[in-house]
Amino acid sequence: MFNPWVDKFVRLLGVLLILGIVYLGVVIAFATSPITTSVGYQPIQPVPYSHATHAGKLGMDCRYCHSTVEFSAKASIPATQVCMNCHKTILPTSEKIVPLRESYTTDKPIKWVRVHSLPDFVYFNHSAHVNKGVGCVTCHGRIDRMDVVYQAKPLNMAWCLDCHRKPERYLRPKEYVTKMDWVPEGNQQSLGEKLKEEYNVNPSTDCWACHR
């Protein structure tokens, strides 16, 4: 009924379809894997600064060191002087802060290694998020439990869009944005919907919101 070449063509088409599905699966798996998203990335810093000690045990507010987070796109890295405000008198001779003391006396900044890094084509504004009730822990995880900071979240496009589409699942009262162990007293969904309306939260999912 059909020419022999039709049978060969159908078989070839089937093989190409299977190969296409396999290829698509590999691409998706690679794009969402920790290797690609850098989840777990934990570089060694020039000074062994422990967030578990400072933010956790001592209860220091994130904004003491990341002082621009409420009014700037960037959270800022603390200058050596900020660290020395305490360490002039607290453990001033500790071996752990030798690079800190050298930086202070030579006026040369410490070359901290960036942990959370977005591509150049992505625009992210810290102040726009923390001033709308998005807590630090939402994007950075439990920093207050980390001796060495690592990237806890994928920070990829799908992950960001998930929050933009349903922000009520992550919103908290503004006074608790830096409180790592905060949990809602009642239902998060109900609280989030209330805060979404109160804070006028309506995040865009258009391309221009993050790609400017």
N, C-alpha and C. Protein backbone atom coordinates (compact mmCIF):
# COMPACT_ATOMS: atom_id res chain seq x y z
N MET A 1 0.84 -1.21 0.00
CA MET A 1 0.00 0.00 0.00
C MET A 1 0.87 1.25 0.00
N PHE A 2 2.01 1.19 0.74
CA PHE A 2 2.94 2.31 0.76
C PHE A 2 4.27 1.88 0.17
N ASN A 3 4.98 2.83 -0.37
CA ASN A 3 6.33 2.56 -0.87
C ASN A 3 7.27 2.22 0.28
N PRO A 4 8.32 1.42 0.05
CA PRO A 4 9.27 1.05 1.11
C PRO A 4 9.91 2.24 1.80
N TRP A 5 10.12 3.34 1.05
CA TRP A 5 10.78 4.50 1.64
C TRP A 5 9.93 5.16 2.74
N VAL A 6 8.60 4.95 2.64
CA VAL A 6 7.71 5.52 3.66
C VAL A 6 7.98 4.87 5.01
N ASP A 7 8.15 3.55 4.99
CA ASP A 7 8.43 2.82 6.23
C ASP A 7 9.75 3.29 6.84
N LYS A 8 10.77 3.48 6.01
CA LYS A 8 12.07 3.96 6.50
C LYS A 8 11.95 5.37 7.09
N PHE A 9 11.15 6.19 6.41
CA PHE A 9 10.96 7.57 6.87
C PHE A 9 10.28 7.61 8.23
N VAL A 10 9.25 6.77 8.40
CA VAL A 10 8.52 6.73 9.68
C VAL A 10 9.45 6.27 10.80
N ARG A 11 10.28 5.25 10.51
CA ARG A 11 11.22 4.75 11.52
C ARG A 11 12.23 5.83 11.90
N LEU A 12 12.75 6.53 10.88
CA LEU A 12 13.71 7.60 11.13
C LEU A 12 13.08 8.72 11.95
N LEU A 13 11.82 9.02 11.61
CA LEU A 13 11.10 10.06 12.36
C LEU A 13 10.94 9.67 13.82
N GLY A 14 10.65 8.38 14.07
CA GLY A 14 10.51 7.89 15.43
C GLY A 14 11.81 7.98 16.21
N VAL A 15 12.91 7.64 15.55
CA VAL A 15 14.23 7.73 16.20
C VAL A 15 14.56 9.17 16.54
N LEU A 16 14.30 10.08 15.59
CA LEU A 16 14.57 11.50 15.83
C LEU A 16 13.72 12.04 16.98
N LEU A 17 12.48 11.58 17.06
CA LEU A 17 11.59 12.03 18.13
C LEU A 17 12.11 11.57 19.49
N ILE A 18 12.55 10.32 19.57
CA ILE A 18 13.08 9.79 20.82
C ILE A 18 14.35 10.54 21.22
N LEU A 19 15.24 10.76 20.24
CA LEU A 19 16.47 11.50 20.52
C LEU A 19 16.17 12.92 20.98
N GLY A 20 15.14 13.53 20.38
CA GLY A 20 14.76 14.89 20.76
C GLY A 20 14.26 14.95 22.20
N ILE A 21 13.46 13.95 22.59
CA ILE A 21 12.95 13.90 23.96
C ILE A 21 14.08 13.70 24.96
N VAL A 22 15.01 12.80 24.61
CA VAL A 22 16.16 12.55 25.49
C VAL A 22 17.00 13.81 25.63
N TYR A 23 17.25 14.49 24.51
CA TYR A 23 18.04 15.72 24.52
C TYR A 23 17.37 16.79 25.38
N LEU A 24 16.06 16.94 25.23
CA LEU A 24 15.33 17.93 26.01
C LEU A 24 15.42 17.61 27.51
N GLY A 25 15.30 16.31 27.84
CA GLY A 25 15.40 15.91 29.23
C GLY A 25 16.76 16.21 29.82
N VAL A 26 17.82 15.97 29.03
CA VAL A 26 19.18 16.25 29.49
C VAL A 26 19.38 17.74 29.71
N VAL A 27 18.87 18.56 28.79
CA VAL A 27 19.00 20.02 28.91
C VAL A 27 18.30 20.52 30.16
N ILE A 28 17.07 20.05 30.40
CA ILE A 28 16.31 20.48 31.57
C ILE A 28 17.00 20.04 32.85
N ALA A 29 17.48 18.81 32.88
CA ALA A 29 18.16 18.28 34.06
C ALA A 29 19.42 19.08 34.37
N PHE A 30 20.16 19.42 33.32
CA PHE A 30 21.39 20.19 33.51
C PHE A 30 21.09 21.61 33.96
N ALA A 31 20.05 22.22 33.37
CA ALA A 31 19.72 23.60 33.69
C ALA A 31 19.24 23.77 35.12
N THR A 32 18.65 22.71 35.69
CA THR A 32 18.11 22.81 37.04
C THR A 32 18.99 22.11 38.08
N SER A 33 20.11 21.58 37.67
CA SER A 33 20.98 20.86 38.61
C SER A 33 21.76 21.83 39.49
N PRO A 34 22.19 21.40 40.67
CA PRO A 34 23.00 22.25 41.55
C PRO A 34 24.28 22.75 40.89
N ILE A 35 24.82 21.96 39.95
CA ILE A 35 26.04 22.37 39.26
C ILE A 35 25.81 23.67 38.50
N THR A 36 24.64 23.77 37.87
CA THR A 36 24.31 24.96 37.08
C THR A 36 23.84 26.11 37.95
N THR A 37 23.03 25.83 38.95
CA THR A 37 22.46 26.89 39.78
C THR A 37 23.37 27.31 40.92
N SER A 38 24.46 26.57 41.12
CA SER A 38 25.46 26.87 42.18
C SER A 38 24.94 26.63 43.59
N VAL A 39 23.85 25.88 43.74
CA VAL A 39 23.37 25.53 45.07
C VAL A 39 24.46 24.73 45.79
N GLY A 40 24.78 25.16 47.00
CA GLY A 40 25.83 24.50 47.76
C GLY A 40 27.20 25.14 47.60
N TYR A 41 27.30 26.13 46.71
CA TYR A 41 28.59 26.83 46.51
C TYR A 41 29.03 27.46 47.82
N GLN A 42 30.21 27.12 48.28
CA GLN A 42 30.68 27.54 49.60
C GLN A 42 32.17 27.89 49.56
N PRO A 43 32.51 29.07 49.06
CA PRO A 43 33.93 29.43 48.96
C PRO A 43 34.54 29.76 50.32
N ILE A 44 35.83 29.57 50.43
CA ILE A 44 36.55 29.94 51.64
C ILE A 44 36.88 31.43 51.59
N GLN A 45 36.55 32.15 52.62
CA GLN A 45 36.76 33.58 52.67
C GLN A 45 38.13 33.92 53.28
N PRO A 46 38.66 35.10 52.98
CA PRO A 46 39.97 35.50 53.52
C PRO A 46 39.98 35.65 55.04
N VAL A 47 38.79 35.88 55.61
CA VAL A 47 38.65 35.95 57.07
C VAL A 47 37.57 34.94 57.46
N PRO A 48 37.84 34.04 58.42
CA PRO A 48 36.84 33.03 58.80
C PRO A 48 35.70 33.62 59.62
N TYR A 49 34.90 34.41 58.95
CA TYR A 49 33.76 35.06 59.62
C TYR A 49 32.61 34.06 59.74
N SER A 50 32.08 33.90 60.93
CA SER A 50 30.99 32.96 61.17
C SER A 50 29.67 33.70 61.36
N HIS A 51 28.75 33.51 60.42
CA HIS A 51 27.42 34.08 60.59
C HIS A 51 26.68 33.37 61.74
N ALA A 52 27.01 32.09 61.94
CA ALA A 52 26.38 31.35 63.03
C ALA A 52 26.70 31.99 64.39
N THR A 53 27.90 32.53 64.51
CA THR A 53 28.30 33.21 65.75
C THR A 53 27.70 34.60 65.83
N HIS A 54 27.88 35.39 64.77
CA HIS A 54 27.47 36.79 64.81
C HIS A 54 25.95 36.98 64.69
N ALA A 55 25.36 36.42 63.63
CA ALA A 55 23.92 36.57 63.42
C ALA A 55 23.11 35.61 64.28
N GLY A 56 23.69 34.44 64.57
CA GLY A 56 22.98 33.44 65.35
C GLY A 56 23.16 33.61 66.84
N LYS A 57 24.33 33.25 67.35
CA LYS A 57 24.60 33.27 68.79
C LYS A 57 24.50 34.67 69.38
N LEU A 58 25.09 35.66 68.70
CA LEU A 58 25.09 37.03 69.23
C LEU A 58 23.85 37.83 68.82
N GLY A 59 23.12 37.32 67.83
CA GLY A 59 21.88 37.97 67.43
C GLY A 59 22.05 39.30 66.72
N MET A 60 23.17 39.50 66.05
CA MET A 60 23.40 40.76 65.32
C MET A 60 22.45 40.86 64.13
N ASP A 61 21.87 42.04 63.96
CA ASP A 61 20.96 42.28 62.84
C ASP A 61 21.74 42.35 61.54
N CYS A 62 21.19 41.75 60.49
CA CYS A 62 21.84 41.74 59.18
C CYS A 62 22.23 43.15 58.72
N ARG A 63 21.40 44.13 59.08
CA ARG A 63 21.59 45.48 58.57
C ARG A 63 22.77 46.21 59.20
N TYR A 64 23.34 45.65 60.28
CA TYR A 64 24.51 46.30 60.86
C TYR A 64 25.69 46.21 59.88
N CYS A 65 25.84 45.05 59.25
CA CYS A 65 26.92 44.87 58.28
C CYS A 65 26.47 45.21 56.85
N HIS A 66 25.27 44.75 56.49
CA HIS A 66 24.74 45.03 55.15
C HIS A 66 23.83 46.25 55.23
N SER A 67 24.46 47.37 55.43
CA SER A 67 23.75 48.59 55.84
C SER A 67 22.92 49.26 54.75
N THR A 68 23.13 48.92 53.49
CA THR A 68 22.39 49.60 52.41
C THR A 68 21.21 48.78 51.90
N VAL A 69 20.94 47.65 52.53
CA VAL A 69 19.96 46.72 51.99
C VAL A 69 18.55 47.31 51.91
N GLU A 70 18.25 48.30 52.75
CA GLU A 70 16.89 48.86 52.78
C GLU A 70 16.67 49.99 51.77
N PHE A 71 17.75 50.53 51.22
CA PHE A 71 17.55 51.65 50.29
C PHE A 71 18.41 51.55 49.03
N SER A 72 19.00 50.41 48.79
CA SER A 72 19.85 50.26 47.61
C SER A 72 19.60 48.90 46.96
N ALA A 73 19.96 48.80 45.70
CA ALA A 73 19.84 47.53 45.00
C ALA A 73 20.79 46.49 45.59
N LYS A 74 21.93 46.94 46.07
CA LYS A 74 22.94 46.04 46.63
C LYS A 74 22.90 46.08 48.16
N ALA A 75 23.21 44.93 48.76
CA ALA A 75 23.17 44.84 50.22
C ALA A 75 24.43 45.39 50.87
N SER A 76 25.50 45.55 50.12
CA SER A 76 26.80 46.07 50.54
C SER A 76 27.58 45.08 51.40
N ILE A 77 28.88 45.12 51.24
CA ILE A 77 29.80 44.35 52.06
C ILE A 77 30.40 45.30 53.08
N PRO A 78 30.43 44.93 54.35
CA PRO A 78 30.92 45.86 55.37
C PRO A 78 32.39 46.22 55.19
N ALA A 79 32.69 47.48 55.41
CA ALA A 79 34.09 47.92 55.38
C ALA A 79 34.81 47.39 56.60
N THR A 80 36.13 47.34 56.54
CA THR A 80 36.93 46.85 57.65
C THR A 80 36.63 47.62 58.93
N GLN A 81 36.38 48.92 58.81
CA GLN A 81 36.10 49.75 59.98
C GLN A 81 34.87 49.25 60.73
N VAL A 82 33.87 48.76 59.99
CA VAL A 82 32.66 48.25 60.64
C VAL A 82 33.01 47.05 61.53
N CYS A 83 33.86 46.16 61.01
CA CYS A 83 34.27 45.00 61.79
C CYS A 83 35.10 45.43 63.01
N MET A 84 35.96 46.42 62.80
CA MET A 84 36.86 46.85 63.87
C MET A 84 36.14 47.65 64.95
N ASN A 85 34.94 48.09 64.66
CA ASN A 85 34.15 48.77 65.71
C ASN A 85 34.03 47.86 66.93
N CYS A 86 33.93 46.58 66.69
CA CYS A 86 33.85 45.61 67.79
C CYS A 86 35.22 45.01 68.12
N HIS A 87 35.96 44.66 67.07
CA HIS A 87 37.18 43.88 67.30
C HIS A 87 38.38 44.71 67.76
N LYS A 88 38.21 45.99 67.93
CA LYS A 88 39.25 46.77 68.61
C LYS A 88 39.37 46.32 70.06
N THR A 89 38.23 45.89 70.60
CA THR A 89 38.22 45.49 72.02
C THR A 89 37.84 44.03 72.23
N ILE A 90 37.15 43.42 71.26
CA ILE A 90 36.73 42.02 71.38
C ILE A 90 37.70 41.13 70.60
N LEU A 91 38.38 40.26 71.29
CA LEU A 91 39.37 39.35 70.68
C LEU A 91 40.33 40.08 69.74
N PRO A 92 40.91 41.19 70.17
CA PRO A 92 41.74 42.00 69.26
C PRO A 92 43.01 41.30 68.80
N THR A 93 43.47 40.29 69.53
CA THR A 93 44.72 39.61 69.16
C THR A 93 44.49 38.22 68.56
N SER A 94 43.25 37.89 68.27
CA SER A 94 42.93 36.58 67.72
C SER A 94 43.62 36.35 66.38
N GLU A 95 44.13 35.15 66.19
CA GLU A 95 44.79 34.79 64.93
C GLU A 95 43.80 34.82 63.75
N LYS A 96 42.54 34.59 64.06
CA LYS A 96 41.54 34.53 63.00
C LYS A 96 41.33 35.87 62.31
N ILE A 97 41.60 36.97 63.01
CA ILE A 97 41.35 38.28 62.40
C ILE A 97 42.63 38.99 61.99
N VAL A 98 43.71 38.25 61.81
CA VAL A 98 44.96 38.86 61.34
C VAL A 98 44.74 39.61 60.03
N PRO A 99 44.05 39.01 59.00
CA PRO A 99 43.80 39.76 57.76
C PRO A 99 42.99 41.03 58.01
N LEU A 100 42.11 40.99 59.00
CA LEU A 100 41.29 42.15 59.33
C LEU A 100 42.16 43.27 59.90
N ARG A 101 43.05 42.92 60.80
CA ARG A 101 43.94 43.92 61.39
C ARG A 101 44.88 44.50 60.34
N GLU A 102 45.37 43.66 59.46
CA GLU A 102 46.25 44.14 58.39
C GLU A 102 45.52 45.10 57.46
N SER A 103 44.27 44.76 57.16
CA SER A 103 43.46 45.64 56.32
C SER A 103 43.24 46.98 57.00
N TYR A 104 43.03 46.94 58.30
CA TYR A 104 42.77 48.16 59.06
C TYR A 104 44.00 49.08 59.12
N THR A 105 45.17 48.48 59.30
CA THR A 105 46.40 49.27 59.42
C THR A 105 46.94 49.74 58.07
N THR A 106 46.68 48.97 57.02
CA THR A 106 47.21 49.33 55.69
C THR A 106 46.19 50.08 54.85
N ASP A 107 44.95 50.10 55.30
CA ASP A 107 43.87 50.77 54.57
C ASP A 107 43.60 50.10 53.22
N LYS A 108 43.87 48.79 53.15
CA LYS A 108 43.58 48.03 51.94
C LYS A 108 42.37 47.13 52.21
N PRO A 109 41.35 47.22 51.38
CA PRO A 109 40.12 46.44 51.64
C PRO A 109 40.35 44.94 51.53
N ILE A 110 39.58 44.19 52.29
CA ILE A 110 39.63 42.73 52.23
C ILE A 110 38.91 42.27 50.97
N LYS A 111 39.50 41.32 50.28
CA LYS A 111 38.91 40.81 49.05
C LYS A 111 38.00 39.63 49.37
N TRP A 112 36.78 39.95 49.81
CA TRP A 112 35.80 38.92 50.10
C TRP A 112 35.39 38.21 48.81
N VAL A 113 35.07 36.94 48.91
CA VAL A 113 34.63 36.15 47.75
C VAL A 113 33.10 36.17 47.70
N ARG A 114 32.58 36.62 46.58
CA ARG A 114 31.13 36.70 46.44
C ARG A 114 30.51 35.31 46.38
N VAL A 115 29.43 35.11 47.13
CA VAL A 115 28.76 33.82 47.18
C VAL A 115 27.53 33.81 46.28
N HIS A 116 26.66 34.79 46.46
CA HIS A 116 25.41 34.86 45.69
C HIS A 116 25.60 35.82 44.52
N SER A 117 25.65 35.27 43.33
CA SER A 117 25.94 36.09 42.15
C SER A 117 24.94 35.79 41.05
N LEU A 118 24.28 36.83 40.57
CA LEU A 118 23.34 36.69 39.46
C LEU A 118 24.02 37.08 38.15
N PRO A 119 23.56 36.57 37.02
CA PRO A 119 24.15 36.96 35.73
C PRO A 119 24.02 38.46 35.50
N ASP A 120 24.90 39.01 34.66
CA ASP A 120 24.89 40.45 34.39
C ASP A 120 23.58 40.92 33.76
N PHE A 121 22.87 40.01 33.10
CA PHE A 121 21.63 40.42 32.42
C PHE A 121 20.41 40.37 33.35
N VAL A 122 20.64 40.10 34.63
CA VAL A 122 19.54 40.04 35.59
C VAL A 122 19.64 41.22 36.55
N TYR A 123 18.53 41.92 36.71
CA TYR A 123 18.48 43.04 37.65
C TYR A 123 17.73 42.61 38.90
N PHE A 124 18.36 42.81 40.05
CA PHE A 124 17.72 42.49 41.32
C PHE A 124 17.94 43.63 42.29
N ASN A 125 16.88 44.06 42.95
CA ASN A 125 16.97 45.17 43.89
C ASN A 125 16.62 44.69 45.29
N HIS A 126 17.60 44.69 46.19
CA HIS A 126 17.36 44.23 47.56
C HIS A 126 16.29 45.07 48.26
N SER A 127 16.39 46.39 48.12
CA SER A 127 15.47 47.27 48.85
C SER A 127 14.02 47.05 48.44
N ALA A 128 13.79 46.75 47.16
CA ALA A 128 12.43 46.53 46.67
C ALA A 128 11.80 45.31 47.32
N HIS A 129 12.62 44.37 47.74
CA HIS A 129 12.11 43.15 48.34
C HIS A 129 11.96 43.27 49.86
N VAL A 130 13.01 43.72 50.55
CA VAL A 130 12.93 43.78 52.01
C VAL A 130 11.91 44.81 52.48
N ASN A 131 11.68 45.85 51.68
CA ASN A 131 10.69 46.86 52.06
C ASN A 131 9.26 46.44 51.75
N LYS A 132 9.11 45.27 51.17
CA LYS A 132 7.78 44.72 50.90
C LYS A 132 7.52 43.46 51.72
N GLY A 133 8.42 43.17 52.66
CA GLY A 133 8.17 42.04 53.55
C GLY A 133 8.75 40.71 53.12
N VAL A 134 9.75 40.73 52.25
CA VAL A 134 10.42 39.50 51.86
C VAL A 134 11.65 39.34 52.75
N GLY A 135 11.67 38.31 53.58
CA GLY A 135 12.74 38.12 54.53
C GLY A 135 14.05 37.66 53.90
N CYS A 136 15.15 37.98 54.55
CA CYS A 136 16.48 37.57 54.07
C CYS A 136 16.55 36.05 53.91
N VAL A 137 15.91 35.34 54.83
CA VAL A 137 15.99 33.87 54.83
C VAL A 137 15.33 33.27 53.58
N THR A 138 14.41 34.00 52.97
CA THR A 138 13.72 33.49 51.78
C THR A 138 14.69 33.21 50.65
N CYS A 139 15.65 34.11 50.46
CA CYS A 139 16.61 33.94 49.37
C CYS A 139 17.94 33.35 49.83
N HIS A 140 18.31 33.60 51.07
CA HIS A 140 19.64 33.19 51.54
C HIS A 140 19.64 32.00 52.48
N GLY A 141 18.47 31.52 52.88
CA GLY A 141 18.43 30.39 53.80
C GLY A 141 18.81 30.82 55.21
N ARG A 142 19.02 29.84 56.08
CA ARG A 142 19.32 30.13 57.48
C ARG A 142 20.79 30.52 57.65
N ILE A 143 21.08 31.74 57.24
CA ILE A 143 22.43 32.28 57.37
C ILE A 143 22.92 32.22 58.82
N ASP A 144 21.99 32.37 59.75
CA ASP A 144 22.36 32.39 61.17
C ASP A 144 22.84 31.03 61.68
N ARG A 145 22.80 30.02 60.84
CA ARG A 145 23.29 28.69 61.21
C ARG A 145 24.55 28.31 60.43
N MET A 146 25.04 29.21 59.63
CA MET A 146 26.17 28.90 58.75
C MET A 146 27.48 29.46 59.31
N ASP A 147 28.42 28.59 59.59
CA ASP A 147 29.76 29.05 59.94
C ASP A 147 30.46 29.57 58.69
N VAL A 148 30.27 28.85 57.59
CA VAL A 148 30.77 29.30 56.29
C VAL A 148 29.56 29.42 55.37
N VAL A 149 29.32 30.62 54.87
CA VAL A 149 28.12 30.86 54.06
C VAL A 149 28.16 30.09 52.75
N TYR A 150 27.03 29.52 52.39
CA TYR A 150 26.89 28.85 51.10
C TYR A 150 25.58 29.27 50.45
N GLN A 151 25.47 29.04 49.15
CA GLN A 151 24.23 29.38 48.44
C GLN A 151 23.21 28.28 48.69
N ALA A 152 22.12 28.65 49.35
CA ALA A 152 21.11 27.67 49.74
C ALA A 152 19.97 27.54 48.73
N LYS A 153 19.75 28.55 47.93
CA LYS A 153 18.63 28.55 46.97
C LYS A 153 19.17 28.60 45.54
N PRO A 154 18.39 28.13 44.56
CA PRO A 154 18.88 28.11 43.17
C PRO A 154 19.02 29.48 42.53
N LEU A 155 18.18 30.43 42.93
CA LEU A 155 18.22 31.80 42.39
C LEU A 155 18.08 31.85 40.87
N ASN A 156 17.43 30.85 40.29
CA ASN A 156 17.25 30.85 38.84
C ASN A 156 15.90 31.49 38.49
N MET A 157 15.62 31.59 37.23
CA MET A 157 14.43 32.29 36.76
C MET A 157 13.14 31.63 37.25
N ALA A 158 13.07 30.31 37.17
CA ALA A 158 11.86 29.60 37.61
C ALA A 158 11.61 29.81 39.09
N TRP A 159 12.69 29.82 39.87
CA TRP A 159 12.57 30.02 41.32
C TRP A 159 12.06 31.42 41.64
N CYS A 160 12.58 32.42 40.95
CA CYS A 160 12.14 33.80 41.16
C CYS A 160 10.67 33.98 40.74
N LEU A 161 10.31 33.42 39.59
CA LEU A 161 8.94 33.55 39.10
C LEU A 161 7.94 32.89 40.03
N ASP A 162 8.35 31.82 40.68
CA ASP A 162 7.47 31.13 41.63
C ASP A 162 7.04 32.09 42.74
N CYS A 163 7.96 32.91 43.20
CA CYS A 163 7.65 33.88 44.25
C CYS A 163 6.85 35.06 43.69
N HIS A 164 7.21 35.52 42.51
CA HIS A 164 6.50 36.64 41.90
C HIS A 164 5.04 36.31 41.61
N ARG A 165 4.79 35.06 41.30
CA ARG A 165 3.41 34.65 40.97
C ARG A 165 2.57 34.43 42.22
N LYS A 166 3.19 34.00 43.30
CA LYS A 166 2.46 33.75 44.55
C LYS A 166 3.25 34.30 45.74
N PRO A 167 3.41 35.62 45.81
CA PRO A 167 4.22 36.23 46.87
C PRO A 167 3.66 36.02 48.27
N GLU A 168 2.34 35.77 48.38
CA GLU A 168 1.72 35.60 49.70
C GLU A 168 2.31 34.42 50.47
N ARG A 169 2.94 33.51 49.78
CA ARG A 169 3.53 32.35 50.46
C ARG A 169 4.83 32.70 51.19
N TYR A 170 5.37 33.90 50.90
CA TYR A 170 6.67 34.26 51.46
C TYR A 170 6.67 35.55 52.27
N LEU A 171 5.61 36.34 52.18
CA LEU A 171 5.60 37.64 52.85
C LEU A 171 5.52 37.51 54.36
N ARG A 172 6.15 38.46 55.04
CA ARG A 172 6.12 38.51 56.50
C ARG A 172 6.05 39.98 56.91
N PRO A 173 5.69 40.29 58.14
CA PRO A 173 5.69 41.68 58.58
C PRO A 173 7.08 42.30 58.40
N LYS A 174 7.11 43.55 57.97
CA LYS A 174 8.39 44.19 57.63
C LYS A 174 9.37 44.21 58.79
N GLU A 175 8.86 44.30 60.02
CA GLU A 175 9.76 44.35 61.17
C GLU A 175 10.51 43.04 61.41
N TYR A 176 10.12 41.99 60.68
CA TYR A 176 10.76 40.69 60.88
C TYR A 176 11.56 40.23 59.66
N VAL A 177 11.84 41.13 58.73
CA VAL A 177 12.53 40.70 57.50
C VAL A 177 13.92 40.15 57.78
N THR A 178 14.58 40.62 58.84
CA THR A 178 15.92 40.12 59.14
C THR A 178 15.93 39.09 60.26
N LYS A 179 14.77 38.74 60.77
CA LYS A 179 14.69 37.76 61.85
C LYS A 179 14.63 36.36 61.24
N MET A 180 15.74 35.65 61.36
CA MET A 180 15.88 34.38 60.67
C MET A 180 14.93 33.29 61.16
N ASP A 181 14.65 33.28 62.44
CA ASP A 181 13.84 32.19 63.00
C ASP A 181 12.36 32.54 63.13
N TRP A 182 11.94 33.59 62.45
CA TRP A 182 10.53 34.00 62.52
C TRP A 182 9.63 32.97 61.85
N VAL A 183 8.52 32.68 62.49
CA VAL A 183 7.49 31.82 61.90
C VAL A 183 6.14 32.48 62.16
N PRO A 184 5.21 32.38 61.23
CA PRO A 184 3.90 33.02 61.43
C PRO A 184 3.14 32.36 62.57
N GLU A 185 2.41 33.16 63.32
CA GLU A 185 1.62 32.62 64.43
C GLU A 185 0.43 31.80 63.93
N GLY A 186 -0.11 32.22 62.79
CA GLY A 186 -1.25 31.49 62.22
C GLY A 186 -0.90 30.90 60.88
N ASN A 187 -1.83 30.95 59.96
CA ASN A 187 -1.67 30.41 58.62
C ASN A 187 -0.90 31.38 57.73
N GLN A 188 0.18 30.92 57.11
CA GLN A 188 1.00 31.79 56.26
C GLN A 188 0.21 32.31 55.07
N GLN A 189 -0.63 31.50 54.48
CA GLN A 189 -1.39 31.91 53.32
C GLN A 189 -2.29 33.09 53.67
N SER A 190 -3.01 33.00 54.79
CA SER A 190 -3.91 34.08 55.20
C SER A 190 -3.13 35.35 55.52
N LEU A 191 -2.03 35.19 56.26
CA LEU A 191 -1.20 36.34 56.61
C LEU A 191 -0.61 36.96 55.35
N GLY A 192 -0.11 36.11 54.45
CA GLY A 192 0.50 36.62 53.23
C GLY A 192 -0.47 37.39 52.36
N GLU A 193 -1.71 36.90 52.26
CA GLU A 193 -2.72 37.62 51.46
C GLU A 193 -3.05 38.97 52.08
N LYS A 194 -3.09 39.01 53.41
CA LYS A 194 -3.35 40.26 54.12
C LYS A 194 -2.21 41.26 53.89
N LEU A 195 -0.96 40.78 54.01
CA LEU A 195 0.20 41.66 53.83
C LEU A 195 0.36 42.07 52.37
N LYS A 196 -0.01 41.19 51.46
CA LYS A 196 0.07 41.51 50.04
C LYS A 196 -0.79 42.72 49.72
N GLU A 197 -1.98 42.76 50.30
CA GLU A 197 -2.87 43.90 50.08
C GLU A 197 -2.39 45.13 50.84
N GLU A 198 -1.97 44.92 52.09
CA GLU A 198 -1.53 46.04 52.93
C GLU A 198 -0.28 46.72 52.37
N TYR A 199 0.67 45.92 51.88
CA TYR A 199 1.92 46.46 51.36
C TYR A 199 1.87 46.76 49.86
N ASN A 200 0.71 46.53 49.26
CA ASN A 200 0.51 46.76 47.83
C ASN A 200 1.56 45.98 47.01
N VAL A 201 1.63 44.71 47.27
CA VAL A 201 2.60 43.84 46.58
C VAL A 201 1.95 43.25 45.33
N ASN A 202 2.50 43.61 44.19
CA ASN A 202 2.00 43.09 42.92
C ASN A 202 3.17 42.91 41.96
N PRO A 203 4.05 41.95 42.25
CA PRO A 203 5.28 41.80 41.47
C PRO A 203 5.01 41.43 40.02
N SER A 204 5.74 42.05 39.14
CA SER A 204 5.57 41.80 37.71
C SER A 204 6.23 40.48 37.31
N THR A 205 5.64 39.84 36.30
CA THR A 205 6.26 38.64 35.72
C THR A 205 6.66 38.93 34.27
N ASP A 206 6.63 40.21 33.88
CA ASP A 206 7.06 40.59 32.55
C ASP A 206 8.59 40.52 32.46
N CYS A 207 9.09 40.31 31.27
CA CYS A 207 10.54 40.16 31.08
C CYS A 207 11.31 41.39 31.57
N TRP A 208 10.75 42.59 31.32
CA TRP A 208 11.48 43.82 31.63
C TRP A 208 11.69 44.02 33.13
N ALA A 209 10.93 43.31 33.97
CA ALA A 209 11.07 43.49 35.42
C ALA A 209 12.46 43.11 35.90
N CYS A 210 13.03 42.08 35.30
CA CYS A 210 14.36 41.60 35.71
C CYS A 210 15.43 41.75 34.63
N HIS A 211 15.00 41.91 33.39
CA HIS A 211 15.96 42.04 32.28
C HIS A 211 15.81 43.43 31.68
N ARG A 212 16.66 44.34 32.16
CA ARG A 212 16.54 45.75 31.75
C ARG A 212 17.73 46.18 30.86
